[in-house]
C-alpha cells in the first residue's frame, strides 16, 4: 500500500465486517448511516450502536440522527453523543424539506459535541457549515464526491476548494464520501482530504496498489480459463479442412 496521508475509514453496518476492519490498523475510523443499517437488517438502532462501540472503543465511529425536525434532531444528537467518547454525531446538511440544519450544527459543536455533517454536495453548503462549526471542536464535513462524479462532474476541483474553505476551521476535517473505486483514494489524497470512507469491498482492493500489470494481466487470463473449465463450457467446432476448396 502507498504511504497515504489521507485517513481510511470503513463505511458499513455489518458488525462482522466492522470487526474485520477493526483488526486492520490501517483503518482509522468507521462510518455508517440508517440506509446501510436497514440493508444490514438492523432493527434496534441503539443496541447495534452499543455493540459496535464495545467492539470499537478507541477509533472514531459516526452514527446518524434520523429525526427531521431540527429540535428533535438536536435531541437525538445529544443522546447519541453520550454513547461513547469516540462517537461522531452525523447531522444531515438539510432536513427532508431542504431546511439548512445550521442551528443544530452550531449548538452541538458549541457544546463540544463532535459532529459529522453529511450529504454535502456543494461549496455553498461547505461555506455555510464552516460558519456554524466551533473553531475548537473537532468535526467532519462529509462531501459526497462519488455521487457528484455520478452526475458527470469532476469532484476533485470541488474537493480541493472545500479543503481551502475549511482552513478557517482547523479542527474540522474534510471527508471524501461515496467513493466508487480504489483510485478515489488517490483522488482524495490529491485534493487534500483528511479522510476517505469506503465500503469493505473497495478497501479490500487496497493491496492492489502498485501491482505489476503484466502479472495482473496473466492472472486475469488464468481466471477466465479456470472459470470456463469449471463451468464445463464446450463449443462444437467444425472441421474447417472439409470446407476448403480442392486445389
C-alpha atoms as a PDB file:
ATOM      1  CA  UNK A   1       0.000   0.000   0.000  1.00  0.00           C
ATOM      2  CA  UNK A   2       1.168   3.510  -0.728  1.00  0.00           C
ATOM      3  CA  UNK A   3       2.213   5.789   2.132  1.00  0.00           C
ATOM      4  CA  UNK A   4      -1.030   7.711   2.366  1.00  0.00           C
ATOM      5  CA  UNK A   5      -1.660  10.900   4.280  1.00  0.00           C
ATOM      6  CA  UNK A   6      -5.427  10.582   3.882  1.00  0.00           C
ATOM      7  CA  UNK A   7      -7.010   8.534   6.667  1.00  0.00           C
ATOM      8  CA  UNK A   8      -9.013   5.442   5.703  1.00  0.00           C
ATOM      9  CA  UNK A   9     -12.428   4.960   7.320  1.00  0.00           C
ATOM     10  CA  UNK A  10     -14.612   1.886   6.764  1.00  0.00           C
ATOM     11  CA  UNK A  11     -18.229   2.520   5.779  1.00  0.00           C
ATOM     12  CA  UNK A  12     -20.810  -0.120   6.617  1.00  0.00           C
ATOM     13  CA  UNK A  13     -23.239  -1.596   9.121  1.00  0.00           C
ATOM     14  CA  UNK A  14     -22.285  -5.268   9.109  1.00  0.00           C
ATOM     15  CA  UNK A  15     -20.861  -5.962  12.565  1.00  0.00           C
ATOM     16  CA  UNK A  16     -18.709  -8.872  11.390  1.00  0.00           C
ATOM     17  CA  UNK A  17     -17.282  -6.733   8.613  1.00  0.00           C
ATOM     18  CA  UNK A  18     -16.620  -3.881  11.025  1.00  0.00           C
ATOM     19  CA  UNK A  19     -14.796  -6.246  13.361  1.00  0.00           C
ATOM     20  CA  UNK A  20     -12.651  -7.448  10.469  1.00  0.00           C
ATOM     21  CA  UNK A  21     -11.759  -3.876   9.531  1.00  0.00           C
ATOM     22  CA  UNK A  22     -11.019  -3.013  13.167  1.00  0.00           C
ATOM     23  CA  UNK A  23      -8.341  -5.711  13.108  1.00  0.00           C
ATOM     24  CA  UNK A  24      -6.582  -3.741  10.359  1.00  0.00           C
ATOM     25  CA  UNK A  25      -4.500  -0.906  11.877  1.00  0.00           C
ATOM     26  CA  UNK A  26      -4.671   0.984   8.562  1.00  0.00           C
ATOM     27  CA  UNK A  27      -8.376   1.638   9.185  1.00  0.00           C
ATOM     28  CA  UNK A  28      -8.521   4.746  11.353  1.00  0.00           C
ATOM     29  CA  UNK A  29     -12.284   5.112  11.830  1.00  0.00           C
ATOM     30  CA  UNK A  30     -15.789   3.996  10.883  1.00  0.00           C
ATOM     31  CA  UNK A  31     -18.948   5.499   9.414  1.00  0.00           C
ATOM     32  CA  UNK A  32     -22.448   4.168   8.998  1.00  0.00           C
ATOM     33  CA  UNK A  33     -25.910   5.519   8.218  1.00  0.00           C
ATOM     34  CA  UNK A  34     -29.565   4.462   8.508  1.00  0.00           C
ATOM     35  CA  UNK A  35     -29.673   3.193   4.916  1.00  0.00           C
ATOM     36  CA  UNK A  36     -26.721   0.861   5.453  1.00  0.00           C
ATOM     37  CA  UNK A  37     -28.174  -0.269   8.770  1.00  0.00           C
ATOM     38  CA  UNK A  38     -31.532  -1.081   7.191  1.00  0.00           C
ATOM     39  CA  UNK A  39     -29.822  -3.079   4.434  1.00  0.00           C
ATOM     40  CA  UNK A  40     -27.924  -4.999   7.113  1.00  0.00           C
ATOM     41  CA  UNK A  41     -31.197  -5.888   8.832  1.00  0.00           C
ATOM     42  CA  UNK A  42     -30.609  -3.783  11.943  1.00  0.00           C
ATOM     43  CA  UNK A  43     -33.851  -3.362  13.902  1.00  0.00           C
ATOM     44  CA  UNK A  44     -32.622  -1.841  17.188  1.00  0.00           C
ATOM     45  CA  UNK A  45     -30.535   1.254  16.430  1.00  0.00           C
ATOM     46  CA  UNK A  46     -29.171   1.858  19.936  1.00  0.00           C
ATOM     47  CA  UNK A  47     -28.446  -1.799  20.635  1.00  0.00           C
ATOM     48  CA  UNK A  48     -26.481  -2.050  17.394  1.00  0.00           C
ATOM     49  CA  UNK A  49     -24.536   1.113  18.226  1.00  0.00           C
ATOM     50  CA  UNK A  50     -23.677  -0.212  21.667  1.00  0.00           C
ATOM     51  CA  UNK A  51     -22.404  -3.462  20.160  1.00  0.00           C
ATOM     52  CA  UNK A  52     -20.275  -1.533  17.676  1.00  0.00           C
ATOM     53  CA  UNK A  53     -18.781   0.658  20.401  1.00  0.00           C
ATOM     54  CA  UNK A  54     -17.935  -2.358  22.558  1.00  0.00           C
ATOM     55  CA  UNK A  55     -16.061  -3.762  19.575  1.00  0.00           C
ATOM     56  CA  UNK A  56     -14.526  -0.434  18.513  1.00  0.00           C
ATOM     57  CA  UNK A  57     -13.850   1.600  21.666  1.00  0.00           C
ATOM     58  CA  UNK A  58     -10.880   3.640  20.505  1.00  0.00           C
ATOM     59  CA  UNK A  59     -11.429   4.814  16.920  1.00  0.00           C
ATOM     60  CA  UNK A  60     -13.984   7.347  15.646  1.00  0.00           C
ATOM     61  CA  UNK A  61     -17.406   5.933  14.789  1.00  0.00           C
ATOM     62  CA  UNK A  62     -20.164   8.041  13.206  1.00  0.00           C
ATOM     63  CA  UNK A  63     -23.843   7.431  13.985  1.00  0.00           C
ATOM     64  CA  UNK A  64     -26.531   9.498  12.297  1.00  0.00           C
ATOM     65  CA  UNK A  65     -29.643  11.176  13.646  1.00  0.00           C
ATOM     66  CA  UNK A  66     -32.834  10.386  11.751  1.00  0.00           C
ATOM     67  CA  UNK A  67     -35.315  12.928  13.116  1.00  0.00           C
ATOM     68  CA  UNK A  68     -36.487  15.510  10.583  1.00  0.00           C
ATOM     69  CA  UNK A  69     -37.487  18.424  12.827  1.00  0.00           C
ATOM     70  CA  UNK A  70     -34.467  20.404  13.961  1.00  0.00           C
ATOM     71  CA  UNK A  71     -35.258  20.334  17.696  1.00  0.00           C
ATOM     72  CA  UNK A  72     -35.745  16.560  17.629  1.00  0.00           C
ATOM     73  CA  UNK A  73     -32.599  16.210  15.547  1.00  0.00           C
ATOM     74  CA  UNK A  74     -30.628  18.091  18.191  1.00  0.00           C
ATOM     75  CA  UNK A  75     -32.097  15.969  20.987  1.00  0.00           C
ATOM     76  CA  UNK A  76     -31.124  12.768  19.176  1.00  0.00           C
ATOM     77  CA  UNK A  77     -27.661  14.162  18.549  1.00  0.00           C
ATOM     78  CA  UNK A  78     -27.120  14.925  22.222  1.00  0.00           C
ATOM     79  CA  UNK A  79     -28.261  11.415  23.147  1.00  0.00           C
ATOM     80  CA  UNK A  80     -26.009   9.735  20.558  1.00  0.00           C
ATOM     81  CA  UNK A  81     -23.043  11.764  21.832  1.00  0.00           C
ATOM     82  CA  UNK A  82     -23.422  10.126  25.265  1.00  0.00           C
ATOM     83  CA  UNK A  83     -22.867   6.652  23.853  1.00  0.00           C
ATOM     84  CA  UNK A  84     -19.095   6.936  23.809  1.00  0.00           C
ATOM     85  CA  UNK A  85     -16.160   9.373  23.699  1.00  0.00           C
ATOM     86  CA  UNK A  86     -15.249   8.189  20.188  1.00  0.00           C
ATOM     87  CA  UNK A  87     -18.693   8.932  18.711  1.00  0.00           C
ATOM     88  CA  UNK A  88     -19.202  11.457  15.918  1.00  0.00           C
ATOM     89  CA  UNK A  89     -22.816  12.578  15.558  1.00  0.00           C
ATOM     90  CA  UNK A  90     -23.873  12.659  11.910  1.00  0.00           C
ATOM     91  CA  UNK A  91     -26.139  15.567  11.063  1.00  0.00           C
ATOM     92  CA  UNK A  92     -27.525  15.943   7.511  1.00  0.00           C
ATOM     93  CA  UNK A  93     -26.781  19.302   5.924  1.00  0.00           C
ATOM     94  CA  UNK A  94     -30.536  19.849   5.472  1.00  0.00           C
ATOM     95  CA  UNK A  95     -33.685  18.104   6.582  1.00  0.00           C
ATOM     96  CA  UNK A  96     -36.051  16.469   4.081  1.00  0.00           C
ATOM     97  CA  UNK A  97     -37.704  19.833   3.383  1.00  0.00           C
ATOM     98  CA  UNK A  98     -34.392  21.398   2.376  1.00  0.00           C
ATOM     99  CA  UNK A  99     -34.079  23.457   5.578  1.00  0.00           C
ATOM    100  CA  UNK A 100     -30.412  24.041   6.485  1.00  0.00           C
ATOM    101  CA  UNK A 101     -29.508  22.307   9.739  1.00  0.00           C
ATOM    102  CA  UNK A 102     -27.085  25.069  10.699  1.00  0.00           C
ATOM    103  CA  UNK A 103     -28.690  25.823  14.075  1.00  0.00           C
ATOM    104  CA  UNK A 104     -28.340  22.176  15.124  1.00  0.00           C
ATOM    105  CA  UNK A 105     -24.749  22.021  13.902  1.00  0.00           C
ATOM    106  CA  UNK A 106     -23.900  25.242  15.744  1.00  0.00           C
ATOM    107  CA  UNK A 107     -25.459  24.273  19.065  1.00  0.00           C
ATOM    108  CA  UNK A 108     -23.928  20.795  19.115  1.00  0.00           C
ATOM    109  CA  UNK A 109     -20.497  21.978  18.024  1.00  0.00           C
ATOM    110  CA  UNK A 110     -20.580  24.831  20.558  1.00  0.00           C
ATOM    111  CA  UNK A 111     -21.399  22.250  23.238  1.00  0.00           C
ATOM    112  CA  UNK A 112     -18.226  20.342  22.374  1.00  0.00           C
ATOM    113  CA  UNK A 113     -20.022  17.536  20.521  1.00  0.00           C
ATOM    114  CA  UNK A 114     -18.098  16.235  17.535  1.00  0.00           C
ATOM    115  CA  UNK A 115     -20.400  16.339  14.527  1.00  0.00           C
ATOM    116  CA  UNK A 116     -20.069  14.755  11.117  1.00  0.00           C
ATOM    117  CA  UNK A 117     -22.100  16.892   8.723  1.00  0.00           C
ATOM    118  CA  UNK A 118     -23.238  14.583   5.946  1.00  0.00           C
ATOM    119  CA  UNK A 119     -24.896  14.576   2.493  1.00  0.00           C
ATOM    120  CA  UNK A 120     -22.920  17.673   1.488  1.00  0.00           C
ATOM    121  CA  UNK A 121     -22.730  18.309  -2.275  1.00  0.00           C
ATOM    122  CA  UNK A 122     -21.968  21.996  -2.893  1.00  0.00           C
ATOM    123  CA  UNK A 123     -19.342  24.557  -1.956  1.00  0.00           C
ATOM    124  CA  UNK A 124     -22.032  26.918  -0.700  1.00  0.00           C
ATOM    125  CA  UNK A 125     -23.060  24.205   1.756  1.00  0.00           C
ATOM    126  CA  UNK A 126     -19.428  23.789   2.877  1.00  0.00           C
ATOM    127  CA  UNK A 127     -19.158  27.554   3.489  1.00  0.00           C
ATOM    128  CA  UNK A 128     -22.396  27.605   5.454  1.00  0.00           C
ATOM    129  CA  UNK A 129     -21.316  24.625   7.559  1.00  0.00           C
ATOM    130  CA  UNK A 130     -17.910  26.162   8.318  1.00  0.00           C
ATOM    131  CA  UNK A 131     -19.619  29.232   9.735  1.00  0.00           C
ATOM    132  CA  UNK A 132     -21.545  27.078  12.227  1.00  0.00           C
ATOM    133  CA  UNK A 133     -18.641  24.977  13.495  1.00  0.00           C
ATOM    134  CA  UNK A 134     -16.863  25.890  16.698  1.00  0.00           C
ATOM    135  CA  UNK A 135     -13.169  26.515  15.902  1.00  0.00           C
ATOM    136  CA  UNK A 136     -12.173  24.487  18.967  1.00  0.00           C
ATOM    137  CA  UNK A 137     -14.375  21.415  18.489  1.00  0.00           C
ATOM    138  CA  UNK A 138     -13.258  18.628  16.131  1.00  0.00           C
ATOM    139  CA  UNK A 139     -15.704  17.988  13.312  1.00  0.00           C
ATOM    140  CA  UNK A 140     -16.033  16.172   9.998  1.00  0.00           C
ATOM    141  CA  UNK A 141     -17.602  17.543   6.817  1.00  0.00           C
ATOM    142  CA  UNK A 142     -18.607  14.682   4.514  1.00  0.00           C
ATOM    143  CA  UNK A 143     -18.795  15.729   0.867  1.00  0.00           C
ATOM    144  CA  UNK A 144     -20.309  13.048  -1.371  1.00  0.00           C
ATOM    145  CA  UNK A 145     -17.667  13.199  -4.082  1.00  0.00           C
ATOM    146  CA  UNK A 146     -18.698   9.845  -5.564  1.00  0.00           C
ATOM    147  CA  UNK A 147     -22.283  10.945  -6.112  1.00  0.00           C
ATOM    148  CA  UNK A 148     -21.038  14.241  -7.533  1.00  0.00           C
ATOM    149  CA  UNK A 149     -18.985  12.213 -10.038  1.00  0.00           C
ATOM    150  CA  UNK A 150     -22.124  10.222 -10.895  1.00  0.00           C
ATOM    151  CA  UNK A 151     -23.581  13.453 -12.329  1.00  0.00           C
ATOM    152  CA  UNK A 152     -20.697  13.791 -14.802  1.00  0.00           C
ATOM    153  CA  UNK A 153     -18.860  16.435 -12.757  1.00  0.00           C
ATOM    154  CA  UNK A 154     -15.200  16.142 -11.753  1.00  0.00           C
ATOM    155  CA  UNK A 155     -15.264  16.239  -7.929  1.00  0.00           C
ATOM    156  CA  UNK A 156     -11.544  16.862  -7.463  1.00  0.00           C
ATOM    157  CA  UNK A 157     -11.607  20.664  -8.021  1.00  0.00           C
ATOM    158  CA  UNK A 158     -14.643  20.920  -5.747  1.00  0.00           C
ATOM    159  CA  UNK A 159     -12.948  18.906  -3.014  1.00  0.00           C
ATOM    160  CA  UNK A 160      -9.780  20.981  -3.324  1.00  0.00           C
ATOM    161  CA  UNK A 161     -11.812  24.163  -2.869  1.00  0.00           C
ATOM    162  CA  UNK A 162     -13.749  22.623   0.022  1.00  0.00           C
ATOM    163  CA  UNK A 163     -10.444  21.907   1.737  1.00  0.00           C
ATOM    164  CA  UNK A 164      -9.446  25.552   1.324  1.00  0.00           C
ATOM    165  CA  UNK A 165     -12.769  26.735   2.770  1.00  0.00           C
ATOM    166  CA  UNK A 166     -12.340  24.553   5.855  1.00  0.00           C
ATOM    167  CA  UNK A 167      -8.916  26.059   6.528  1.00  0.00           C
ATOM    168  CA  UNK A 168     -10.806  28.632   8.600  1.00  0.00           C
ATOM    169  CA  UNK A 169     -11.810  25.789  10.914  1.00  0.00           C
ATOM    170  CA  UNK A 170      -8.549  23.980  11.729  1.00  0.00           C
ATOM    171  CA  UNK A 171     -10.331  21.415  13.911  1.00  0.00           C
ATOM    172  CA  UNK A 172     -12.591  20.345  11.034  1.00  0.00           C
ATOM    173  CA  UNK A 173     -11.682  17.527   8.664  1.00  0.00           C
ATOM    174  CA  UNK A 174     -12.862  17.066   5.082  1.00  0.00           C
ATOM    175  CA  UNK A 175     -14.132  13.578   4.242  1.00  0.00           C
ATOM    176  CA  UNK A 176     -14.449  12.163   0.700  1.00  0.00           C
ATOM    177  CA  UNK A 177     -17.673  10.153   0.825  1.00  0.00           C
ATOM    178  CA  UNK A 178     -19.219   7.567  -1.512  1.00  0.00           C
ATOM    179  CA  UNK A 179     -16.093   6.541  -3.452  1.00  0.00           C
ATOM    180  CA  UNK A 180     -16.699   4.353  -6.470  1.00  0.00           C
ATOM    181  CA  UNK A 181     -13.243   2.782  -6.931  1.00  0.00           C
ATOM    182  CA  UNK A 182      -9.843   2.442  -5.280  1.00  0.00           C
ATOM    183  CA  UNK A 183      -8.473   5.237  -7.484  1.00  0.00           C
ATOM    184  CA  UNK A 184     -10.658   7.623  -5.489  1.00  0.00           C
ATOM    185  CA  UNK A 185      -8.298   7.110  -2.547  1.00  0.00           C
ATOM    186  CA  UNK A 186      -5.563   8.723  -4.650  1.00  0.00           C
ATOM    187  CA  UNK A 187      -8.002  11.432  -5.747  1.00  0.00           C
ATOM    188  CA  UNK A 188      -8.849  12.202  -2.120  1.00  0.00           C
ATOM    189  CA  UNK A 189      -5.168  12.416  -1.294  1.00  0.00           C
ATOM    190  CA  UNK A 190      -4.513  14.755  -4.229  1.00  0.00           C
ATOM    191  CA  UNK A 191      -7.412  17.005  -3.205  1.00  0.00           C
ATOM    192  CA  UNK A 192      -6.040  17.354   0.311  1.00  0.00           C
ATOM    193  CA  UNK A 193      -8.882  15.489   2.029  1.00  0.00           C
ATOM    194  CA  UNK A 194      -8.208  14.414   5.574  1.00  0.00           C
ATOM    195  CA  UNK A 195     -10.370  11.275   5.346  1.00  0.00           C
ATOM    196  CA  UNK A 196     -11.946   8.959   2.800  1.00  0.00           C
ATOM    197  CA  UNK A 197     -14.607   6.473   3.874  1.00  0.00           C
ATOM    198  CA  UNK A 198     -15.210   3.388   1.753  1.00  0.00           C
ATOM    199  CA  UNK A 199     -17.090   0.126   1.844  1.00  0.00           C
ATOM    200  CA  UNK A 200     -15.216  -3.076   2.631  1.00  0.00           C
ATOM    201  CA  UNK A 201     -15.241  -4.232  -0.997  1.00  0.00           C
ATOM    202  CA  UNK A 202     -13.281  -1.134  -2.027  1.00  0.00           C
ATOM    203  CA  UNK A 203     -10.962  -1.262   0.980  1.00  0.00           C
ATOM    204  CA  UNK A 204     -10.290  -4.913   0.167  1.00  0.00           C
ATOM    205  CA  UNK A 205      -8.669  -3.830  -3.100  1.00  0.00           C
ATOM    206  CA  UNK A 206      -6.038  -1.629  -1.459  1.00  0.00           C
ATOM    207  CA  UNK A 207      -3.490  -4.433  -1.711  1.00  0.00           C
ATOM    208  CA  UNK A 208      -3.642  -3.975  -5.486  1.00  0.00           C
ATOM    209  CA  UNK A 209      -1.799  -0.644  -5.243  1.00  0.00           C
ATOM    210  CA  UNK A 210       1.337  -0.779  -7.438  1.00  0.00           C
ATOM    211  CA  UNK A 211       0.611  -4.352  -8.529  1.00  0.00           C
ATOM    212  CA  UNK A 212       2.620  -5.427 -11.585  1.00  0.00           C
ATOM    213  CA  UNK A 213       0.244  -5.035 -14.535  1.00  0.00           C
ATOM    214  CA  UNK A 214       1.793  -7.849 -16.599  1.00  0.00           C
ATOM    215  CA  UNK A 215       1.248 -10.237 -13.704  1.00  0.00           C
ATOM    216  CA  UNK A 216      -2.269  -8.887 -13.252  1.00  0.00           C
ATOM    217  CA  UNK A 217      -2.989  -9.498 -16.951  1.00  0.00           C
ATOM    218  CA  UNK A 218      -1.838 -13.110 -16.690  1.00  0.00           C
ATOM    219  CA  UNK A 219      -3.906 -13.685 -13.555  1.00  0.00           C
ATOM    220  CA  UNK A 220      -6.967 -12.355 -15.380  1.00  0.00           C
ATOM    221  CA  UNK A 221      -6.444 -14.698 -18.330  1.00  0.00           C
ATOM    222  CA  UNK A 222      -5.991 -17.592 -15.917  1.00  0.00           C
ATOM    223  CA  UNK A 223      -9.232 -16.622 -14.158  1.00  0.00           C
ATOM    224  CA  UNK A 224     -11.185 -16.693 -17.416  1.00  0.00           C
ATOM    225  CA  UNK A 225      -9.750 -20.103 -18.314  1.00  0.00           C
ATOM    226  CA  UNK A 226     -10.339 -21.525 -14.841  1.00  0.00           C
ATOM    227  CA  UNK A 227     -13.962 -20.397 -14.759  1.00  0.00           C
ATOM    228  CA  UNK A 228     -14.696 -21.674 -18.279  1.00  0.00           C
ATOM    229  CA  UNK A 229     -13.259 -25.044 -17.306  1.00  0.00           C
ATOM    230  CA  UNK A 230     -15.190 -25.152 -14.021  1.00  0.00           C
ATOM    231  CA  UNK A 231     -18.408 -24.379 -15.912  1.00  0.00           C
ATOM    232  CA  UNK A 232     -17.747 -27.243 -18.364  1.00  0.00           C
ATOM    233  CA  UNK A 233     -18.267 -24.927 -21.322  1.00  0.00           C
ATOM    234  CA  UNK A 234     -17.910 -26.527 -24.752  1.00  0.00           C
ATOM    235  CA  UNK A 235     -18.080 -25.221 -28.299  1.00  0.00           C
ATOM    236  CA  UNK A 236     -18.690 -27.519 -31.254  1.00  0.00           C
ATOM    237  CA  UNK A 237     -16.044 -26.561 -33.801  1.00  0.00           C
ATOM    238  CA  UNK A 238     -16.473 -27.511 -37.459  1.00  0.00           C
ATOM    239  CA  UNK A 239     -13.592 -29.165 -39.309  1.00  0.00           C
ATOM    240  CA  UNK A 240     -12.537 -26.253 -41.482  1.00  0.00           C
ATOM    241  CA  UNK A 241     -10.407 -28.528 -43.670  1.00  0.00           C
ATOM    242  CA  UNK A 242     -13.522 -30.158 -45.100  1.00  0.00           C
ATOM    243  CA  UNK A 243     -14.798 -26.848 -46.398  1.00  0.00           C
ATOM    244  CA  UNK A 244     -11.553 -25.868 -48.138  1.00  0.00           C
ATOM    245  CA  UNK A 245     -11.806 -25.867 -51.983  1.00  0.00           C
ATOM    246  CA  UNK A 246      -9.833 -28.532 -53.821  1.00  0.00           C
ATOM    247  CA  UNK A 247      -6.604 -27.308 -55.414  1.00  0.00           C
END
